[in-house]
Amino acid sequence: MANKKLKLVFAVICIASLTVVTALIGLSFAAEPQRGGILKISRSSETRGLGYPPTVKQGDIYVGSPCVQTLLKLDDQSLPTPNLAESWEFDPATNTLTLLSERESKFHDMTDFNADAVKYNFTVIFAEQNALMLDVKEVVVADNHTVLLKLKKWSNAVLPNLCLKWGIMISPEAYKKNGKDWCNSHPVGTGPFKFVSWERDVMHKFEKFDHYWEKGKPYLDGIEWHIVVDPVTQLAAFSKGEHHIMADVDPKDARKLETSGK
């Protein structure tokens, strides 16, 4: 039971709709969403990067997920489902994957998320190190809302990859202006929360993005990831209510928390 509940940690962040998390064990949701508050999460290790997709480690995606989003996402059955891309279609005759997004979406620097931005991410940013691009022959902008990925061959990994780091979209303008090293520590995405600061080995801070594409969201005012290396200190802080969630908690500590009702 504890392991299943631990998996809820990252779902909380991705859906950006949780108002208050009172404990890792026994999460509860209000019948009506309440707005405001800062969600504080503790983590035992620091990240290597947040906002430069080719070098973001898979385990670090969760830390940056309040800010940067992927074209597709995995549902609770681990199947690809719409996210930034509202729909997709594959033509086996031409080995072409069509991605469509007609909504008005903004990056946190207030530049547009559109087909040109998707192409830029694939052909410039991902060109450095992206396994997905090995299967992509050409990226074509059909119109402002439609991108065609012309594949060398179809692979069952293509859609799942668009749900992971290979589907992360960042602002082309931020990349052009500041470069990859800056983007790695200053993510500029389309998520419900925008990046505020990164105090290394201490905290990652995000605040609500008022122009987020899902109307009425997020409910929270912000999210903070606190780095607490010592497991005893991390557990004590959580038990005292200083943090709402513990990530990467030891199973034996999870059992203690469940037994104690924390």
C-alpha atoms as a PDB file:
ATOM      1  CA  MET A   1       0.000   0.000   0.000  1.00  0.00           C
ATOM      2  CA  ALA A   2       2.781   2.426   0.874  1.00  0.00           C
ATOM      3  CA  ASN A   3       4.497   2.027  -2.490  1.00  0.00           C
ATOM      4  CA  LYS A   4       1.269   2.737  -4.358  1.00  0.00           C
ATOM      5  CA  LYS A   5       0.737   5.904  -2.391  1.00  0.00           C
ATOM      6  CA  LEU A   6       4.292   7.051  -2.978  1.00  0.00           C
ATOM      7  CA  LYS A   7       3.596   7.051  -6.708  1.00  0.00           C
ATOM      8  CA  LEU A   8       1.008   9.769  -6.132  1.00  0.00           C
ATOM      9  CA  VAL A   9       3.750  12.268  -5.335  1.00  0.00           C
ATOM     10  CA  PHE A  10       4.531  13.059  -8.932  1.00  0.00           C
ATOM     11  CA  ALA A  11       0.952  12.896 -10.155  1.00  0.00           C
ATOM     12  CA  VAL A  12       0.197  15.722  -7.717  1.00  0.00           C
ATOM     13  CA  ILE A  13       2.687  17.991  -9.431  1.00  0.00           C
ATOM     14  CA  CYS A  14       1.870  17.098 -13.021  1.00  0.00           C
ATOM     15  CA  ILE A  15      -1.866  17.714 -12.762  1.00  0.00           C
ATOM     16  CA  ALA A  16      -1.257  20.945 -10.841  1.00  0.00           C
ATOM     17  CA  SER A  17      -4.660  20.807  -9.197  1.00  0.00           C
ATOM     18  CA  LEU A  18      -3.935  19.737  -5.641  1.00  0.00           C
ATOM     19  CA  THR A  19      -4.597  22.441  -3.057  1.00  0.00           C
ATOM     20  CA  VAL A  20      -3.227  21.033   0.186  1.00  0.00           C
ATOM     21  CA  VAL A  21      -1.249  17.863   0.801  1.00  0.00           C
ATOM     22  CA  THR A  22      -1.299  17.049   4.490  1.00  0.00           C
ATOM     23  CA  ALA A  23       0.803  13.891   4.388  1.00  0.00           C
ATOM     24  CA  LEU A  24       2.438  11.402   2.094  1.00  0.00           C
ATOM     25  CA  ILE A  25       0.385   8.597   3.599  1.00  0.00           C
ATOM     26  CA  GLY A  26      -3.372   8.987   3.321  1.00  0.00           C
ATOM     27  CA  LEU A  27      -3.647  11.793   0.741  1.00  0.00           C
ATOM     28  CA  SER A  28      -7.088  13.363   0.680  1.00  0.00           C
ATOM     29  CA  PHE A  29      -8.734  15.710  -1.808  1.00  0.00           C
ATOM     30  CA  ALA A  30     -11.217  18.456  -0.980  1.00  0.00           C
ATOM     31  CA  ALA A  31     -14.654  18.156  -2.578  1.00  0.00           C
ATOM     32  CA  GLU A  32     -14.255  21.710  -3.888  1.00  0.00           C
ATOM     33  CA  PRO A  33     -10.807  23.021  -4.870  1.00  0.00           C
ATOM     34  CA  GLN A  34      -9.411  25.672  -2.542  1.00  0.00           C
ATOM     35  CA  ARG A  35      -7.003  28.211  -3.967  1.00  0.00           C
ATOM     36  CA  GLY A  36      -3.712  29.373  -2.535  1.00  0.00           C
ATOM     37  CA  GLY A  37      -0.856  27.945  -0.549  1.00  0.00           C
ATOM     38  CA  ILE A  38       2.664  26.696  -1.223  1.00  0.00           C
ATOM     39  CA  LEU A  39       3.269  22.974  -1.694  1.00  0.00           C
ATOM     40  CA  LYS A  40       6.581  22.029  -0.042  1.00  0.00           C
ATOM     41  CA  ILE A  41       8.307  18.814  -1.083  1.00  0.00           C
ATOM     42  CA  SER A  42      11.524  17.400   0.346  1.00  0.00           C
ATOM     43  CA  ARG A  43      14.022  15.462  -1.741  1.00  0.00           C
ATOM     44  CA  SER A  44      17.245  13.811  -0.663  1.00  0.00           C
ATOM     45  CA  SER A  45      19.366  14.628  -3.726  1.00  0.00           C
ATOM     46  CA  GLU A  46      20.058  17.616  -5.938  1.00  0.00           C
ATOM     47  CA  THR A  47      19.260  17.703  -9.663  1.00  0.00           C
ATOM     48  CA  ARG A  48      21.754  18.156 -12.467  1.00  0.00           C
ATOM     49  CA  GLY A  49      19.479  20.271 -14.591  1.00  0.00           C
ATOM     50  CA  LEU A  50      15.926  21.458 -15.132  1.00  0.00           C
ATOM     51  CA  GLY A  51      15.406  23.158 -18.459  1.00  0.00           C
ATOM     52  CA  TYR A  52      17.712  21.880 -21.179  1.00  0.00           C
ATOM     53  CA  PRO A  53      16.001  18.711 -22.463  1.00  0.00           C
ATOM     54  CA  PRO A  54      18.960  16.857 -24.033  1.00  0.00           C
ATOM     55  CA  THR A  55      20.821  16.711 -20.713  1.00  0.00           C
ATOM     56  CA  VAL A  56      17.937  16.512 -18.234  1.00  0.00           C
ATOM     57  CA  LYS A  57      18.093  13.216 -16.380  1.00  0.00           C
ATOM     58  CA  GLN A  58      14.895  11.180 -16.380  1.00  0.00           C
ATOM     59  CA  GLY A  59      14.744  11.242 -12.585  1.00  0.00           C
ATOM     60  CA  ASP A  60      15.038  15.035 -12.555  1.00  0.00           C
ATOM     61  CA  ILE A  61      12.060  15.616 -14.829  1.00  0.00           C
ATOM     62  CA  TYR A  62       9.759  15.518 -11.813  1.00  0.00           C
ATOM     63  CA  VAL A  63      11.522  18.476 -10.201  1.00  0.00           C
ATOM     64  CA  GLY A  64      11.092  20.604 -13.306  1.00  0.00           C
ATOM     65  CA  SER A  65       7.607  19.315 -14.145  1.00  0.00           C
ATOM     66  CA  PRO A  66       5.777  22.262 -12.541  1.00  0.00           C
ATOM     67  CA  CYS A  67       7.486  24.430 -15.170  1.00  0.00           C
ATOM     68  CA  VAL A  68       8.272  22.414 -18.300  1.00  0.00           C
ATOM     69  CA  GLN A  69       5.795  20.181 -20.112  1.00  0.00           C
ATOM     70  CA  THR A  70       5.918  17.430 -22.713  1.00  0.00           C
ATOM     71  CA  LEU A  71       3.991  17.115 -25.974  1.00  0.00           C
ATOM     72  CA  LEU A  72       2.199  14.026 -24.683  1.00  0.00           C
ATOM     73  CA  LYS A  73       1.876  12.522 -21.209  1.00  0.00           C
ATOM     74  CA  LEU A  74       1.221   9.087 -19.748  1.00  0.00           C
ATOM     75  CA  ASP A  75      -2.181   8.373 -18.238  1.00  0.00           C
ATOM     76  CA  ASP A  76      -2.805   6.133 -15.220  1.00  0.00           C
ATOM     77  CA  GLN A  77      -2.549   3.112 -17.526  1.00  0.00           C
ATOM     78  CA  SER A  78       0.862   4.306 -18.800  1.00  0.00           C
ATOM     79  CA  LEU A  79      -0.609   5.050 -22.229  1.00  0.00           C
ATOM     80  CA  PRO A  80       0.159   8.235 -24.221  1.00  0.00           C
ATOM     81  CA  THR A  81      -2.507  10.903 -23.883  1.00  0.00           C
ATOM     82  CA  PRO A  82      -2.760  14.558 -25.049  1.00  0.00           C
ATOM     83  CA  ASN A  83      -0.841  17.288 -23.277  1.00  0.00           C
ATOM     84  CA  LEU A  84       0.675  20.223 -25.184  1.00  0.00           C
ATOM     85  CA  ALA A  85      -0.266  18.352 -28.349  1.00  0.00           C
ATOM     86  CA  GLU A  86      -4.053  18.013 -28.301  1.00  0.00           C
ATOM     87  CA  SER A  87      -4.152  15.157 -30.780  1.00  0.00           C
ATOM     88  CA  TRP A  88      -2.004  13.093 -33.119  1.00  0.00           C
ATOM     89  CA  GLU A  89      -2.370  10.827 -36.141  1.00  0.00           C
ATOM     90  CA  PHE A  90       0.012   8.411 -37.786  1.00  0.00           C
ATOM     91  CA  ASP A  91      -0.004   7.721 -41.524  1.00  0.00           C
ATOM     92  CA  PRO A  92       1.701   4.352 -42.105  1.00  0.00           C
ATOM     93  CA  ALA A  93       1.811   4.921 -45.867  1.00  0.00           C
ATOM     94  CA  THR A  94       4.206   7.867 -45.469  1.00  0.00           C
ATOM     95  CA  ASN A  95       5.581   7.111 -41.985  1.00  0.00           C
ATOM     96  CA  THR A  96       4.351  10.530 -40.868  1.00  0.00           C
ATOM     97  CA  LEU A  97       3.217  11.455 -37.359  1.00  0.00           C
ATOM     98  CA  THR A  98       1.001  14.557 -37.281  1.00  0.00           C
ATOM     99  CA  LEU A  99       0.798  16.538 -34.031  1.00  0.00           C
ATOM    100  CA  LEU A 100      -1.966  19.123 -33.612  1.00  0.00           C
ATOM    101  CA  SER A 101      -2.457  21.859 -30.999  1.00  0.00           C
ATOM    102  CA  GLU A 102      -5.010  24.593 -31.707  1.00  0.00           C
ATOM    103  CA  ARG A 103      -5.187  26.195 -28.246  1.00  0.00           C
ATOM    104  CA  GLU A 104      -3.401  29.445 -27.426  1.00  0.00           C
ATOM    105  CA  SER A 105      -0.451  28.574 -25.197  1.00  0.00           C
ATOM    106  CA  LYS A 106       2.395  30.713 -23.896  1.00  0.00           C
ATOM    107  CA  PHE A 107       5.881  30.031 -22.644  1.00  0.00           C
ATOM    108  CA  HIS A 108       6.761  31.764 -19.391  1.00  0.00           C
ATOM    109  CA  ASP A 109       8.630  34.484 -21.293  1.00  0.00           C
ATOM    110  CA  MET A 110       5.256  35.208 -22.989  1.00  0.00           C
ATOM    111  CA  THR A 111       6.369  33.961 -26.396  1.00  0.00           C
ATOM    112  CA  ASP A 112       3.986  31.641 -28.249  1.00  0.00           C
ATOM    113  CA  PHE A 113       4.002  27.887 -28.086  1.00  0.00           C
ATOM    114  CA  ASN A 114       3.250  26.911 -31.685  1.00  0.00           C
ATOM    115  CA  ALA A 115       4.382  24.648 -34.499  1.00  0.00           C
ATOM    116  CA  ASP A 116       7.534  26.688 -35.108  1.00  0.00           C
ATOM    117  CA  ALA A 117       8.490  26.256 -31.453  1.00  0.00           C
ATOM    118  CA  VAL A 118       8.023  22.501 -31.710  1.00  0.00           C
ATOM    119  CA  LYS A 119      10.179  22.337 -34.821  1.00  0.00           C
ATOM    120  CA  TYR A 120      12.886  24.433 -33.176  1.00  0.00           C
ATOM    121  CA  ASN A 121      12.990  22.142 -30.157  1.00  0.00           C
ATOM    122  CA  PHE A 122      13.327  19.059 -32.347  1.00  0.00           C
ATOM    123  CA  THR A 123      15.744  20.328 -34.975  1.00  0.00           C
ATOM    124  CA  VAL A 124      17.990  22.623 -32.914  1.00  0.00           C
ATOM    125  CA  ILE A 125      17.753  21.791 -29.227  1.00  0.00           C
ATOM    126  CA  PHE A 126      17.290  18.034 -29.508  1.00  0.00           C
ATOM    127  CA  ALA A 127      19.743  17.668 -32.373  1.00  0.00           C
ATOM    128  CA  GLU A 128      22.615  17.577 -29.874  1.00  0.00           C
ATOM    129  CA  GLN A 129      21.552  14.455 -28.020  1.00  0.00           C
ATOM    130  CA  ASN A 130      18.181  12.886 -28.669  1.00  0.00           C
ATOM    131  CA  ALA A 131      17.542   9.227 -29.323  1.00  0.00           C
ATOM    132  CA  LEU A 132      14.150  10.087 -30.792  1.00  0.00           C
ATOM    133  CA  MET A 133      15.768  12.108 -33.585  1.00  0.00           C
ATOM    134  CA  LEU A 134      17.443   8.956 -34.866  1.00  0.00           C
ATOM    135  CA  ASP A 135      14.004   7.919 -36.096  1.00  0.00           C
ATOM    136  CA  VAL A 136      13.007  11.373 -37.431  1.00  0.00           C
ATOM    137  CA  LYS A 137      13.934  12.175 -41.011  1.00  0.00           C
ATOM    138  CA  GLU A 138      12.361  15.635 -41.197  1.00  0.00           C
ATOM    139  CA  VAL A 139      10.225  18.032 -39.127  1.00  0.00           C
ATOM    140  CA  VAL A 140       7.711  20.002 -41.195  1.00  0.00           C
ATOM    141  CA  VAL A 141       5.508  22.898 -40.077  1.00  0.00           C
ATOM    142  CA  ALA A 142       2.192  22.474 -41.903  1.00  0.00           C
ATOM    143  CA  ASP A 143       0.618  25.545 -40.269  1.00  0.00           C
ATOM    144  CA  ASN A 144       0.800  27.447 -36.989  1.00  0.00           C
ATOM    145  CA  HIS A 145      -0.843  24.575 -35.104  1.00  0.00           C
ATOM    146  CA  THR A 146       0.359  21.479 -36.967  1.00  0.00           C
ATOM    147  CA  VAL A 147       3.721  19.709 -37.049  1.00  0.00           C
ATOM    148  CA  LEU A 148       4.603  16.681 -39.183  1.00  0.00           C
ATOM    149  CA  LEU A 149       7.281  14.303 -37.964  1.00  0.00           C
ATOM    150  CA  LYS A 150       8.450  12.394 -41.017  1.00  0.00           C
ATOM    151  CA  LEU A 151       9.954   9.188 -39.668  1.00  0.00           C
ATOM    152  CA  LYS A 152      12.550   6.898 -41.161  1.00  0.00           C
ATOM    153  CA  LYS A 153      10.503   4.044 -39.794  1.00  0.00           C
ATOM    154  CA  TRP A 154       7.768   3.563 -37.231  1.00  0.00           C
ATOM    155  CA  SER A 155       8.762   2.557 -33.725  1.00  0.00           C
ATOM    156  CA  ASN A 156       6.467   1.752 -30.816  1.00  0.00           C
ATOM    157  CA  ALA A 157       8.765   3.925 -28.688  1.00  0.00           C
ATOM    158  CA  VAL A 158       7.972   7.165 -30.538  1.00  0.00           C
ATOM    159  CA  LEU A 159       4.768   8.094 -28.687  1.00  0.00           C
ATOM    160  CA  PRO A 160       6.023   7.063 -25.221  1.00  0.00           C
ATOM    161  CA  ASN A 161       9.204   9.074 -25.863  1.00  0.00           C
ATOM    162  CA  LEU A 162       7.085  12.182 -26.463  1.00  0.00           C
ATOM    163  CA  CYS A 163       5.753  11.715 -22.911  1.00  0.00           C
ATOM    164  CA  LEU A 164       9.274  11.696 -21.456  1.00  0.00           C
ATOM    165  CA  LYS A 165      12.301  13.971 -21.715  1.00  0.00           C
ATOM    166  CA  TRP A 166      12.288  13.728 -25.521  1.00  0.00           C
ATOM    167  CA  GLY A 167       8.940  15.516 -25.581  1.00  0.00           C
ATOM    168  CA  ILE A 168       9.881  18.446 -23.329  1.00  0.00           C
ATOM    169  CA  MET A 169       9.268  21.829 -24.945  1.00  0.00           C
ATOM    170  CA  ILE A 170      11.188  24.955 -23.884  1.00  0.00           C
ATOM    171  CA  SER A 171      11.111  28.515 -25.210  1.00  0.00           C
ATOM    172  CA  PRO A 172      13.185  28.885 -28.409  1.00  0.00           C
ATOM    173  CA  GLU A 173      13.643  32.599 -27.668  1.00  0.00           C
ATOM    174  CA  ALA A 174      15.057  31.874 -24.214  1.00  0.00           C
ATOM    175  CA  TYR A 175      17.462  29.381 -25.770  1.00  0.00           C
ATOM    176  CA  LYS A 176      18.547  31.781 -28.529  1.00  0.00           C
ATOM    177  CA  LYS A 177      19.083  34.620 -26.077  1.00  0.00           C
ATOM    178  CA  ASN A 178      20.757  32.789 -23.214  1.00  0.00           C
ATOM    179  CA  GLY A 179      22.139  29.457 -24.450  1.00  0.00           C
ATOM    180  CA  LYS A 180      21.897  25.913 -23.182  1.00  0.00           C
ATOM    181  CA  ASP A 181      23.822  26.337 -19.909  1.00  0.00           C
ATOM    182  CA  TRP A 182      21.503  29.120 -18.773  1.00  0.00           C
ATOM    183  CA  CYS A 183      18.429  27.141 -19.852  1.00  0.00           C
ATOM    184  CA  ASN A 184      19.638  24.142 -17.895  1.00  0.00           C
ATOM    185  CA  SER A 185      19.342  26.085 -14.628  1.00  0.00           C
ATOM    186  CA  HIS A 186      16.562  28.514 -15.673  1.00  0.00           C
ATOM    187  CA  PRO A 187      13.735  26.458 -17.231  1.00  0.00           C
ATOM    188  CA  VAL A 188      11.333  28.407 -19.444  1.00  0.00           C
ATOM    189  CA  GLY A 189       8.406  26.162 -20.288  1.00  0.00           C
ATOM    190  CA  THR A 190       4.619  26.249 -20.587  1.00  0.00           C
ATOM    191  CA  GLY A 191       3.721  24.670 -17.242  1.00  0.00           C
ATOM    192  CA  PRO A 192       1.336  25.887 -14.533  1.00  0.00           C
ATOM    193  CA  PHE A 193       4.248  27.242 -12.474  1.00  0.00           C
ATOM    194  CA  LYS A 194       7.138  29.402 -13.633  1.00  0.00           C
ATOM    195  CA  PHE A 195      10.692  29.179 -12.372  1.00  0.00           C
ATOM    196  CA  VAL A 196      11.714  31.646  -9.641  1.00  0.00           C
ATOM    197  CA  SER A 197      15.034  30.486  -8.212  1.00  0.00           C
ATOM    198  CA  TRP A 198      17.423  27.596  -7.664  1.00  0.00           C
ATOM    199  CA  GLU A 199      19.576  27.715  -4.550  1.00  0.00           C
ATOM    200  CA  ARG A 200      21.796  24.716  -5.126  1.00  0.00           C
ATOM    201  CA  ASP A 201      21.581  22.000  -2.485  1.00  0.00           C
ATOM    202  CA  VAL A 202      18.874  24.024  -0.729  1.00  0.00           C
ATOM    203  CA  MET A 203      15.720  24.672  -2.749  1.00  0.00           C
ATOM    204  CA  HIS A 204      13.996  24.970  -6.146  1.00  0.00           C
ATOM    205  CA  LYS A 205      11.206  27.549  -6.158  1.00  0.00           C
ATOM    206  CA  PHE A 206       8.294  27.940  -8.607  1.00  0.00           C
ATOM    207  CA  GLU A 207       5.363  30.357  -8.584  1.00  0.00           C
ATOM    208  CA  LYS A 208       1.947  30.337 -10.247  1.00  0.00           C
ATOM    209  CA  PHE A 209       1.883  31.263 -13.944  1.00  0.00           C
ATOM    210  CA  ASP A 210      -1.150  33.466 -14.527  1.00  0.00           C
ATOM    211  CA  HIS A 211      -1.271  32.753 -18.275  1.00  0.00           C
ATOM    212  CA  TYR A 212      -1.303  28.974 -18.037  1.00  0.00           C
ATOM    213  CA  TRP A 213      -3.287  27.323 -20.840  1.00  0.00           C
ATOM    214  CA  GLU A 214      -5.570  25.251 -18.578  1.00  0.00           C
ATOM    215  CA  LYS A 215      -8.132  27.871 -17.584  1.00  0.00           C
ATOM    216  CA  GLY A 216      -8.611  28.301 -13.837  1.00  0.00           C
ATOM    217  CA  LYS A 217      -5.415  26.452 -12.950  1.00  0.00           C
ATOM    218  CA  PRO A 218      -3.192  26.133 -11.057  1.00  0.00           C
ATOM    219  CA  TYR A 219      -4.890  26.322  -7.669  1.00  0.00           C
ATOM    220  CA  LEU A 220      -1.651  26.587  -5.714  1.00  0.00           C
ATOM    221  CA  ASP A 221       0.367  29.794  -5.434  1.00  0.00           C
ATOM    222  CA  GLY A 222       3.633  27.932  -5.745  1.00  0.00           C
ATOM    223  CA  ILE A 223       5.731  24.799  -5.312  1.00  0.00           C
ATOM    224  CA  GLU A 224       9.029  24.423  -3.472  1.00  0.00           C
ATOM    225  CA  TRP A 225      11.432  21.475  -3.655  1.00  0.00           C
ATOM    226  CA  HIS A 226      13.629  21.381  -0.538  1.00  0.00           C
ATOM    227  CA  ILE A 227      16.877  19.401  -0.649  1.00  0.00           C
ATOM    228  CA  VAL A 228      17.398  17.490   2.621  1.00  0.00           C
ATOM    229  CA  VAL A 229      20.248  15.010   2.297  1.00  0.00           C
ATOM    230  CA  ASP A 230      20.092  13.504   5.773  1.00  0.00           C
ATOM    231  CA  PRO A 231      17.170  11.024   5.961  1.00  0.00           C
ATOM    232  CA  VAL A 232      16.681  11.536   9.700  1.00  0.00           C
ATOM    233  CA  THR A 233      16.395  15.292   9.262  1.00  0.00           C
ATOM    234  CA  GLN A 234      14.096  14.820   6.274  1.00  0.00           C
ATOM    235  CA  LEU A 235      11.775  12.520   8.199  1.00  0.00           C
ATOM    236  CA  ALA A 236      11.739  14.828  11.230  1.00  0.00           C
ATOM    237  CA  ALA A 237      10.878  17.869   9.099  1.00  0.00           C
ATOM    238  CA  PHE A 238       8.044  16.001   7.426  1.00  0.00           C
ATOM    239  CA  SER A 239       6.712  14.713  10.757  1.00  0.00           C
ATOM    240  CA  LYS A 240       6.653  18.272  12.117  1.00  0.00           C
ATOM    241  CA  GLY A 241       4.730  19.504   9.077  1.00  0.00           C
ATOM    242  CA  GLU A 242       7.553  21.591   7.637  1.00  0.00           C
ATOM    243  CA  HIS A 243       7.145  19.725   4.338  1.00  0.00           C
ATOM    244  CA  HIS A 244       3.921  18.345   2.876  1.00  0.00           C
ATOM    245  CA  ILE A 245       5.539  15.549   0.852  1.00  0.00           C
ATOM    246  CA  MET A 246       8.647  13.389   1.124  1.00  0.00           C
ATOM    247  CA  ALA A 247      10.037  12.155  -2.166  1.00  0.00           C
ATOM    248  CA  ASP A 248      12.312   9.089  -2.378  1.00  0.00           C
ATOM    249  CA  VAL A 249      11.362   8.083   1.161  1.00  0.00           C
ATOM    250  CA  ASP A 250      12.808   4.858   2.555  1.00  0.00           C
ATOM    251  CA  PRO A 251      10.172   2.063   2.669  1.00  0.00           C
ATOM    252  CA  LYS A 252      10.795   1.432   6.379  1.00  0.00           C
ATOM    253  CA  ASP A 253      10.131   5.111   7.116  1.00  0.00           C
ATOM    254  CA  ALA A 254       6.966   4.960   5.021  1.00  0.00           C
ATOM    255  CA  ARG A 255       5.760   2.050   7.126  1.00  0.00           C
ATOM    256  CA  LYS A 256       6.490   4.003  10.315  1.00  0.00           C
ATOM    257  CA  LEU A 257       4.531   6.967   9.023  1.00  0.00           C
ATOM    258  CA  GLU A 258       1.614   4.781   8.034  1.00  0.00           C
ATOM    259  CA  THR A 259       1.586   3.114  11.460  1.00  0.00           C
ATOM    260  CA  SER A 260       1.792   6.433  13.275  1.00  0.00           C
ATOM    261  CA  GLY A 261      -0.893   8.012  11.104  1.00  0.00           C
ATOM    262  CA  LYS A 262       1.410  10.806   9.913  1.00  0.00           C
END
